[in-house]
């Protein structure tokens, strides 16, 4: 049968959901945001900060893997740590072995 699920889930792709996430961040008083994979960078971080990176690979090339980068989101400072999606980290399904290797060597300092 024809697929009826959107190819890109709307979890981060609309303003209403981004506003919900901002509210949750504010209520939690979080200081660290961990992003898993490309999509949160593309659909949340880029929209909220204007960062120029479009993917985890671009973020890693600029800042290093798993490095906390201080960013302002809606007038609050956060340490943002982009990591690979858990599927990549665990080498599940169609995954890139290089991302698994990079993640395996990473330690949060």
N, C-alpha and C. Protein backbone atom coordinates (compact mmCIF):
# COMPACT_ATOMS: atom_id res chain seq x y z
N UNK A 1 0.83 -1.21 0.00
CA UNK A 1 0.00 0.00 0.00
C UNK A 1 0.86 1.26 0.00
N UNK A 2 0.28 2.33 -0.46
CA UNK A 2 0.96 3.61 -0.50
C UNK A 2 1.26 4.09 0.92
N UNK A 3 2.45 4.64 1.11
CA UNK A 3 2.86 5.15 2.42
C UNK A 3 2.04 6.40 2.76
N UNK A 4 1.55 6.46 3.99
CA UNK A 4 0.74 7.61 4.41
C UNK A 4 1.41 8.44 5.51
N UNK A 5 2.58 8.03 5.93
CA UNK A 5 3.30 8.76 6.97
C UNK A 5 4.21 9.78 6.28
N UNK A 6 4.23 11.00 6.82
CA UNK A 6 5.09 12.03 6.25
C UNK A 6 6.54 11.57 6.27
N UNK A 7 7.27 11.89 5.22
CA UNK A 7 8.68 11.52 5.13
C UNK A 7 9.50 12.18 6.24
N UNK A 8 9.22 13.43 6.52
CA UNK A 8 9.88 14.14 7.63
C UNK A 8 8.83 14.44 8.68
N UNK A 9 8.93 13.79 9.84
CA UNK A 9 7.94 14.06 10.88
C UNK A 9 7.95 15.54 11.25
N UNK A 10 6.82 16.04 11.66
CA UNK A 10 6.71 17.47 11.96
C UNK A 10 7.16 17.80 13.39
N UNK A 11 7.90 16.88 14.03
CA UNK A 11 8.32 17.10 15.41
C UNK A 11 9.04 18.43 15.60
N UNK A 12 9.89 18.82 14.67
CA UNK A 12 10.61 20.08 14.80
C UNK A 12 10.31 21.05 13.67
N UNK A 13 9.46 20.65 12.75
CA UNK A 13 9.37 21.41 11.51
C UNK A 13 8.35 22.54 11.52
N UNK A 14 7.66 22.73 12.64
CA UNK A 14 6.70 23.83 12.62
C UNK A 14 6.89 24.73 13.84
N UNK A 15 6.43 25.97 13.70
CA UNK A 15 6.62 26.96 14.75
C UNK A 15 5.94 26.58 16.06
N UNK A 16 4.78 25.95 15.98
CA UNK A 16 4.05 25.56 17.20
C UNK A 16 4.88 24.58 18.03
N UNK A 17 5.49 23.60 17.38
CA UNK A 17 6.30 22.63 18.13
C UNK A 17 7.57 23.28 18.68
N UNK A 18 8.18 24.16 17.91
CA UNK A 18 9.36 24.87 18.41
C UNK A 18 9.00 25.69 19.65
N UNK A 19 7.84 26.32 19.64
CA UNK A 19 7.40 27.10 20.80
C UNK A 19 7.18 26.20 22.02
N UNK A 20 6.63 25.00 21.80
CA UNK A 20 6.47 24.05 22.90
C UNK A 20 7.82 23.66 23.48
N UNK A 21 8.78 23.41 22.62
CA UNK A 21 10.12 23.02 23.08
C UNK A 21 10.74 24.17 23.87
N UNK A 22 10.61 25.39 23.41
CA UNK A 22 11.14 26.54 24.13
C UNK A 22 10.51 26.66 25.51
N UNK A 23 9.22 26.44 25.58
CA UNK A 23 8.52 26.50 26.87
C UNK A 23 9.04 25.40 27.81
N UNK A 24 9.22 24.20 27.28
CA UNK A 24 9.74 23.09 28.08
C UNK A 24 11.16 23.39 28.58
N UNK A 25 11.99 23.98 27.72
CA UNK A 25 13.34 24.34 28.13
C UNK A 25 13.30 25.38 29.25
N UNK A 26 12.45 26.37 29.11
CA UNK A 26 12.34 27.41 30.12
C UNK A 26 11.86 26.83 31.45
N UNK A 27 10.84 26.00 31.41
CA UNK A 27 10.30 25.40 32.63
C UNK A 27 11.31 24.48 33.30
N UNK A 28 12.11 23.78 32.52
CA UNK A 28 13.06 22.82 33.08
C UNK A 28 14.28 23.50 33.70
N UNK A 29 14.52 24.75 33.31
CA UNK A 29 15.72 25.47 33.74
C UNK A 29 17.01 24.77 33.29
N UNK A 30 16.89 24.00 32.21
CA UNK A 30 18.05 23.28 31.67
C UNK A 30 19.15 24.26 31.29
N UNK A 31 20.37 23.80 31.41
CA UNK A 31 21.52 24.58 30.98
C UNK A 31 22.23 23.92 29.81
N UNK A 32 21.92 22.65 29.60
CA UNK A 32 22.54 21.87 28.53
C UNK A 32 21.46 21.30 27.62
N UNK A 33 21.67 21.41 26.33
CA UNK A 33 20.77 20.81 25.35
C UNK A 33 21.59 19.81 24.53
N UNK A 34 21.16 18.55 24.50
CA UNK A 34 21.82 17.53 23.70
C UNK A 34 20.95 17.27 22.47
N UNK A 35 21.54 17.44 21.30
CA UNK A 35 20.83 17.22 20.04
C UNK A 35 21.33 15.92 19.43
N UNK A 36 20.41 15.08 18.97
CA UNK A 36 20.77 13.77 18.43
C UNK A 36 20.54 13.73 16.92
N UNK A 37 21.61 13.88 16.17
CA UNK A 37 21.53 13.79 14.72
C UNK A 37 21.30 15.12 14.02
N UNK A 38 21.09 15.03 12.72
CA UNK A 38 20.95 16.23 11.87
C UNK A 38 19.65 16.99 12.08
N UNK A 39 18.56 16.28 12.26
CA UNK A 39 17.24 16.94 12.24
C UNK A 39 17.08 18.01 13.30
N UNK A 40 17.49 17.79 14.56
CA UNK A 40 17.34 18.87 15.54
C UNK A 40 18.18 20.11 15.19
N UNK A 41 19.31 19.89 14.53
CA UNK A 41 20.12 21.03 14.09
C UNK A 41 19.37 21.78 13.00
N UNK A 42 18.85 21.05 12.02
CA UNK A 42 18.17 21.68 10.88
C UNK A 42 16.86 22.35 11.26
N UNK A 43 16.06 21.68 12.08
CA UNK A 43 14.69 22.16 12.31
C UNK A 43 14.49 22.90 13.62
N UNK A 44 15.47 22.83 14.52
CA UNK A 44 15.33 23.57 15.77
C UNK A 44 16.46 24.57 15.96
N UNK A 45 17.68 24.08 16.09
CA UNK A 45 18.80 24.96 16.41
C UNK A 45 18.99 26.06 15.37
N UNK A 46 18.97 25.70 14.12
CA UNK A 46 19.16 26.68 13.04
C UNK A 46 18.06 27.74 13.07
N UNK A 47 16.85 27.31 13.33
CA UNK A 47 15.72 28.25 13.38
C UNK A 47 15.80 29.17 14.60
N UNK A 48 16.28 28.63 15.73
CA UNK A 48 16.28 29.39 16.97
C UNK A 48 17.52 30.25 17.17
N UNK A 49 18.61 29.90 16.52
CA UNK A 49 19.86 30.64 16.75
C UNK A 49 20.43 31.28 15.50
N UNK A 50 19.97 30.82 14.34
CA UNK A 50 20.54 31.31 13.10
C UNK A 50 21.92 30.73 12.81
N UNK A 51 22.28 29.64 13.49
CA UNK A 51 23.59 29.03 13.24
C UNK A 51 23.68 28.65 11.76
N UNK A 52 24.89 28.62 11.26
CA UNK A 52 25.07 28.37 9.83
C UNK A 52 25.19 26.88 9.51
N UNK A 53 25.42 26.05 10.52
CA UNK A 53 25.58 24.62 10.28
C UNK A 53 24.23 23.99 9.94
N UNK A 54 24.23 23.14 8.90
CA UNK A 54 23.02 22.46 8.46
C UNK A 54 22.98 20.99 8.84
N UNK A 55 24.07 20.50 9.41
CA UNK A 55 24.16 19.07 9.71
C UNK A 55 25.13 18.85 10.86
N UNK A 56 25.09 17.66 11.41
CA UNK A 56 26.03 17.30 12.46
C UNK A 56 27.46 17.35 11.91
N UNK A 57 27.66 16.88 10.69
CA UNK A 57 29.00 16.88 10.10
C UNK A 57 29.56 18.30 10.03
N UNK A 58 28.75 19.27 9.63
CA UNK A 58 29.21 20.65 9.57
C UNK A 58 29.51 21.18 10.97
N UNK A 59 28.67 20.83 11.93
CA UNK A 59 28.87 21.25 13.31
C UNK A 59 30.18 20.68 13.85
N UNK A 60 30.42 19.40 13.57
CA UNK A 60 31.64 18.74 14.03
C UNK A 60 32.88 19.35 13.37
N UNK A 61 32.79 19.65 12.09
CA UNK A 61 33.92 20.27 11.39
C UNK A 61 34.30 21.62 12.00
N UNK A 62 33.31 22.33 12.50
CA UNK A 62 33.56 23.66 13.07
C UNK A 62 33.95 23.60 14.54
N UNK A 63 33.28 22.73 15.32
CA UNK A 63 33.43 22.77 16.78
C UNK A 63 34.04 21.51 17.39
N UNK A 64 34.12 20.43 16.63
CA UNK A 64 34.57 19.15 17.19
C UNK A 64 33.38 18.33 17.63
N UNK A 65 33.57 17.03 17.76
CA UNK A 65 32.46 16.15 18.12
C UNK A 65 32.17 16.19 19.61
N UNK A 66 30.91 16.39 19.94
CA UNK A 66 30.46 16.34 21.33
C UNK A 66 30.95 17.48 22.19
N UNK A 67 31.45 18.53 21.58
CA UNK A 67 31.91 19.68 22.33
C UNK A 67 30.73 20.60 22.65
N UNK A 68 30.65 21.03 23.89
CA UNK A 68 29.59 21.96 24.27
C UNK A 68 29.88 23.32 23.65
N UNK A 69 28.88 23.87 22.98
CA UNK A 69 29.00 25.17 22.35
C UNK A 69 27.97 26.08 22.99
N UNK A 70 28.42 27.19 23.55
CA UNK A 70 27.49 28.10 24.20
C UNK A 70 26.70 28.88 23.14
N UNK A 71 25.37 28.82 23.28
CA UNK A 71 24.49 29.49 22.32
C UNK A 71 23.36 30.18 23.07
N UNK A 72 22.88 31.25 22.49
CA UNK A 72 21.74 31.97 23.06
C UNK A 72 20.49 31.57 22.30
N UNK A 73 19.50 31.12 23.06
CA UNK A 73 18.20 30.77 22.50
C UNK A 73 17.16 31.51 23.30
N UNK A 74 16.46 32.40 22.66
CA UNK A 74 15.42 33.21 23.31
C UNK A 74 15.95 33.87 24.59
N UNK A 75 17.07 34.56 24.45
CA UNK A 75 17.67 35.36 25.52
C UNK A 75 18.23 34.55 26.68
N UNK A 76 18.37 33.24 26.52
CA UNK A 76 18.99 32.40 27.56
C UNK A 76 20.20 31.70 26.96
N UNK A 77 21.21 31.52 27.79
CA UNK A 77 22.43 30.83 27.38
C UNK A 77 22.29 29.33 27.67
N UNK A 78 22.68 28.54 26.69
CA UNK A 78 22.68 27.08 26.82
C UNK A 78 24.01 26.55 26.31
N UNK A 79 24.44 25.44 26.86
CA UNK A 79 25.53 24.67 26.29
C UNK A 79 24.89 23.61 25.41
N UNK A 80 25.12 23.71 24.12
CA UNK A 80 24.51 22.81 23.15
C UNK A 80 25.55 21.75 22.75
N UNK A 81 25.15 20.47 22.86
CA UNK A 81 26.04 19.36 22.53
C UNK A 81 25.38 18.49 21.47
N UNK A 82 25.75 18.66 20.21
CA UNK A 82 25.23 17.79 19.16
C UNK A 82 25.98 16.46 19.13
N UNK A 83 25.23 15.37 19.09
CA UNK A 83 25.79 14.02 19.01
C UNK A 83 25.10 13.26 17.88
N UNK A 84 25.67 12.11 17.52
CA UNK A 84 25.02 11.29 16.52
C UNK A 84 23.72 10.73 17.08
N UNK A 85 22.83 10.38 16.17
CA UNK A 85 21.60 9.71 16.56
C UNK A 85 21.97 8.35 17.16
N UNK A 86 21.24 7.87 18.17
CA UNK A 86 21.56 6.58 18.80
C UNK A 86 21.69 5.42 17.81
N UNK A 87 20.94 5.46 16.72
CA UNK A 87 21.05 4.40 15.71
C UNK A 87 22.44 4.38 15.11
N UNK A 88 22.98 5.56 14.84
CA UNK A 88 24.34 5.66 14.30
C UNK A 88 25.36 5.23 15.35
N UNK A 89 25.18 5.69 16.57
CA UNK A 89 26.14 5.39 17.64
C UNK A 89 26.24 3.88 17.87
N UNK A 90 25.12 3.18 17.71
CA UNK A 90 25.09 1.74 17.95
C UNK A 90 25.30 0.91 16.68
N UNK A 91 25.54 1.57 15.56
CA UNK A 91 25.73 0.88 14.26
C UNK A 91 24.54 0.01 13.90
N UNK A 92 23.35 0.53 14.08
CA UNK A 92 22.14 -0.21 13.76
C UNK A 92 21.65 0.16 12.37
N UNK A 93 21.10 -0.80 11.65
CA UNK A 93 20.52 -0.53 10.34
C UNK A 93 21.53 0.08 9.39
N UNK A 94 21.02 0.97 8.54
CA UNK A 94 21.90 1.68 7.60
C UNK A 94 22.60 2.80 8.37
N UNK A 95 23.76 2.52 8.86
CA UNK A 95 24.48 3.53 9.61
C UNK A 95 25.91 3.63 9.08
N UNK A 96 26.50 4.76 9.34
CA UNK A 96 27.86 5.03 8.89
C UNK A 96 28.83 4.58 9.97
N UNK A 97 29.70 3.62 9.68
CA UNK A 97 30.64 3.13 10.70
C UNK A 97 31.54 4.23 11.26
N UNK A 98 31.81 5.24 10.46
CA UNK A 98 32.68 6.33 10.94
C UNK A 98 32.03 7.08 12.10
N UNK A 99 30.72 7.32 12.02
CA UNK A 99 30.03 8.00 13.14
C UNK A 99 30.07 7.13 14.39
N UNK A 100 29.92 5.82 14.22
CA UNK A 100 30.03 4.91 15.36
C UNK A 100 31.41 5.04 16.00
N UNK A 101 32.46 5.07 15.18
CA UNK A 101 33.82 5.18 15.69
C UNK A 101 34.05 6.51 16.41
N UNK A 102 33.57 7.58 15.82
CA UNK A 102 33.73 8.90 16.43
C UNK A 102 33.02 8.94 17.78
N UNK A 103 31.79 8.44 17.80
CA UNK A 103 31.02 8.46 19.05
C UNK A 103 31.65 7.56 20.11
N UNK A 104 32.15 6.41 19.69
CA UNK A 104 32.76 5.47 20.64
C UNK A 104 33.96 6.07 21.35
N UNK A 105 34.66 6.97 20.68
CA UNK A 105 35.83 7.59 21.27
C UNK A 105 35.53 8.85 22.06
N UNK A 106 34.28 9.26 22.08
CA UNK A 106 33.90 10.53 22.73
C UNK A 106 33.63 10.33 24.21
N UNK A 107 34.07 11.26 24.99
CA UNK A 107 33.77 11.31 26.42
C UNK A 107 33.39 12.74 26.77
N UNK A 108 32.32 12.90 27.53
CA UNK A 108 31.92 14.22 28.01
C UNK A 108 32.87 14.63 29.11
N UNK A 109 33.49 15.79 28.93
CA UNK A 109 34.44 16.28 29.95
C UNK A 109 33.77 17.25 30.88
